[in-house]
Amino acid sequence: MRKIEIFSDGCAVPNPGRGGFGTIIRENGQDKHIFRGYKLTTNNRMELMGVLAGFEGLNERCEVVICSDSKYVVNCIRERWYAEWIRKNKTEKKNLDLWYRFAGLAQKHKVTAYWVRGHNGHVENEICDQLAEKAMYSREVENDFVYEAVQMRNF
C-alpha cells in the first residue's frame, strides 16, 4: 500500500474574508505543492479544503497521514465526528459540504491525522502557511460558491 503524507494549512483574513490554503503531498520523499486562493471563505473551510486537495488524484487505496495545525480538522477526522454529522444529516453543521467530500474521498484509504502547533517551527507547516498566504493574496482567486450561497441565504 502506498504511503502518502498530506501537510496542510489554511487562512482567511479577516475571518470570514479572503482566504487560501497550502498543501504538501509527500510520497517516497517527493513533494508536490498545491495552493489556491478564494475571494470569500472562512479559515476552517480553507484548513479542510487543503486536506481535500491532498486526496484529489489518489485513485488506489493508500495509507494517508494528515498533518495539520487545525484542531477542528484533526479532531473531526480522529473522532469521526463528520461521519455522525453525515449519518444524521446535521445540516446546521458548518462545512458539511466539505465533510461529505472528505467522506467520499477518504473512505477507501487508511487515514490517520495528527496535530502540530502552528507557527512553531514545524518545517512543512511553515511552508504550507506561506503557500496559503501566497494563494490568499494572489490575483487568481476562486469563488467558494457553497460558502457564498449560504451567506446570501442568511442575508
Protein backbone atom coordinates (compact mmCIF):
# COMPACT_ATOMS: atom_id res chain seq x y z
CA MET A 1 0.00 0.00 0.00
CA ARG A 2 1.34 3.43 -0.95
CA LYS A 3 2.03 5.80 1.93
CA ILE A 4 1.05 9.43 1.36
CA GLU A 5 1.66 12.31 3.74
CA ILE A 6 -0.54 15.39 3.48
CA PHE A 7 0.62 18.56 5.21
CA SER A 8 -1.86 21.41 5.06
CA ASP A 9 -2.64 24.87 6.35
CA GLY A 10 -5.35 27.40 5.61
CA CYS A 11 -6.12 31.02 6.36
CA ALA A 12 -8.75 33.71 5.91
CA VAL A 13 -8.19 37.41 6.59
CA PRO A 14 -10.42 38.64 8.05
CA ASN A 15 -12.32 35.53 9.06
CA PRO A 16 -14.57 35.26 7.11
CA GLY A 17 -12.83 37.02 4.25
CA ARG A 18 -10.31 36.40 1.53
CA GLY A 19 -8.61 33.04 2.08
CA GLY A 20 -6.25 30.42 0.85
CA PHE A 21 -4.75 27.04 1.57
CA GLY A 22 -1.38 25.46 1.04
CA THR A 23 -0.76 21.73 0.86
CA ILE A 24 2.26 19.48 0.54
CA ILE A 25 1.68 15.95 -0.72
CA ARG A 26 4.66 13.72 0.02
CA GLU A 27 5.28 10.25 -1.38
CA ASN A 28 8.64 8.49 -1.27
CA GLY A 29 10.40 11.72 -0.30
CA GLN A 30 8.98 13.61 -3.30
CA ASP A 31 6.90 16.70 -2.55
CA LYS A 32 4.14 18.29 -4.58
CA HIS A 33 2.85 21.72 -3.57
CA ILE A 34 -0.74 22.83 -4.14
CA PHE A 35 -2.23 26.18 -3.20
CA ARG A 36 -5.44 28.03 -4.05
CA GLY A 37 -6.99 31.33 -3.05
CA TYR A 38 -10.63 32.26 -2.59
CA LYS A 39 -12.46 35.60 -2.64
CA LEU A 40 -14.71 34.94 0.36
CA THR A 41 -14.43 31.98 2.71
CA THR A 42 -13.50 31.02 6.28
CA ASN A 43 -10.37 29.79 7.98
CA ASN A 44 -11.89 26.38 8.80
CA ARG A 45 -13.03 25.88 5.19
CA MET A 46 -9.50 26.62 3.99
CA GLU A 47 -7.99 24.23 6.53
CA LEU A 48 -10.28 21.46 5.28
CA MET A 49 -10.00 22.33 1.58
CA GLY A 50 -6.24 21.97 1.87
CA VAL A 51 -6.66 18.43 3.15
CA LEU A 52 -9.17 17.65 0.39
CA ALA A 53 -6.70 18.88 -2.23
CA GLY A 54 -4.25 16.29 -0.94
CA PHE A 55 -6.74 13.48 -1.57
CA GLU A 56 -7.60 14.50 -5.11
CA GLY A 57 -5.91 12.22 -7.58
CA LEU A 58 -5.45 9.27 -5.21
CA ASN A 59 -7.11 6.55 -7.27
CA GLU A 60 -5.91 3.49 -5.37
CA ARG A 61 -6.05 2.52 -1.69
CA CYS A 62 -3.32 4.33 0.25
CA GLU A 63 -2.20 4.85 3.78
CA VAL A 64 -2.74 8.59 4.23
CA VAL A 65 -1.23 10.53 7.10
CA ILE A 66 -2.60 14.05 7.54
CA CYS A 67 -0.66 16.71 9.42
CA SER A 68 -2.45 19.95 10.25
CA ASP A 69 -2.36 22.77 12.79
CA SER A 70 -6.16 22.81 12.77
CA LYS A 71 -7.63 21.07 15.81
CA TYR A 72 -11.03 21.38 14.10
CA VAL A 73 -9.85 19.26 11.15
CA VAL A 74 -7.71 16.81 13.11
CA ASN A 75 -10.30 16.18 15.84
CA CYS A 76 -13.13 15.75 13.33
CA ILE A 77 -11.07 13.16 11.46
CA ARG A 78 -9.72 11.35 14.54
CA GLU A 79 -13.07 11.20 16.31
CA ARG A 80 -15.04 10.69 13.07
CA TRP A 81 -17.47 13.44 14.05
CA TYR A 82 -18.07 14.14 10.36
CA ALA A 83 -19.44 10.59 9.88
CA GLU A 84 -22.05 11.18 12.58
CA TRP A 85 -22.99 14.57 11.13
CA ILE A 86 -23.46 12.98 7.71
CA ARG A 87 -25.38 10.00 9.08
CA LYS A 88 -27.77 12.30 10.91
CA ASN A 89 -27.77 14.88 8.07
CA LYS A 90 -26.89 17.62 10.55
CA THR A 91 -27.45 20.47 8.11
CA GLU A 92 -26.79 23.07 10.81
CA LYS A 93 -23.16 21.93 10.99
CA LYS A 94 -20.83 24.29 9.20
CA ASN A 95 -18.83 22.97 6.26
CA LEU A 96 -20.96 19.87 5.89
CA ASP A 97 -20.50 20.08 2.11
CA LEU A 98 -16.74 19.67 2.60
CA TRP A 99 -17.15 16.86 5.13
CA TYR A 100 -19.29 15.00 2.58
CA ARG A 101 -16.44 15.42 0.09
CA PHE A 102 -13.92 14.24 2.67
CA ALA A 103 -16.00 11.16 3.50
CA GLY A 104 -16.24 10.24 -0.18
CA LEU A 105 -12.53 10.70 -0.82
CA ALA A 106 -11.25 9.15 2.40
CA GLN A 107 -13.49 6.08 2.58
CA LYS A 108 -11.20 3.83 0.54
CA HIS A 109 -8.00 4.84 2.35
CA LYS A 110 -6.45 4.12 5.72
CA VAL A 111 -6.43 7.62 7.22
CA THR A 112 -4.75 8.97 10.33
CA ALA A 113 -4.39 12.59 11.38
CA TYR A 114 -2.16 14.39 13.79
CA TRP A 115 -1.98 17.93 15.05
CA VAL A 116 1.05 20.21 15.16
CA ARG A 117 1.27 23.61 16.77
CA GLY A 118 1.15 26.29 14.09
CA HIS A 119 3.87 28.93 13.74
CA ASN A 120 6.16 26.83 15.89
CA GLY A 121 8.94 25.82 13.51
CA HIS A 122 7.39 22.68 12.01
CA VAL A 123 9.03 22.89 8.57
CA GLU A 124 6.19 21.55 6.44
CA ASN A 125 3.55 23.53 8.36
CA GLU A 126 5.55 26.72 7.85
CA ILE A 127 5.80 26.04 4.10
CA CYS A 128 2.05 25.35 3.93
CA ASP A 129 1.39 28.60 5.80
CA GLN A 130 3.49 30.51 3.26
CA LEU A 131 1.70 28.81 0.36
CA ALA A 132 -1.70 29.63 1.89
CA GLU A 133 -0.80 33.30 2.25
CA LYS A 134 0.60 33.38 -1.29
CA ALA A 135 -2.68 31.93 -2.58
CA MET A 136 -4.80 34.30 -0.50
CA TYR A 137 -3.04 37.38 -1.88
CA SER A 138 -2.85 36.09 -5.44
CA ARG A 139 -4.71 37.86 -8.22
CA GLU A 140 -6.06 34.48 -9.31
CA VAL A 141 -8.60 33.70 -6.62
CA GLU A 142 -11.66 31.48 -6.98
CA ASN A 143 -15.18 31.63 -5.61
CA ASP A 144 -16.15 29.41 -2.70
CA PHE A 145 -19.63 29.07 -4.16
CA VAL A 146 -21.14 26.99 -1.36
CA TYR A 147 -19.98 29.39 1.34
CA GLU A 148 -21.14 32.40 -0.67
CA ALA A 149 -24.57 30.80 -1.29
CA VAL A 150 -25.03 30.16 2.44
CA GLN A 151 -24.08 33.75 3.20
CA MET A 152 -26.60 35.07 0.66
CA ARG A 153 -29.32 32.82 2.09
CA ASN A 154 -28.64 34.17 5.60
CA PHE A 155 -28.54 37.78 4.42
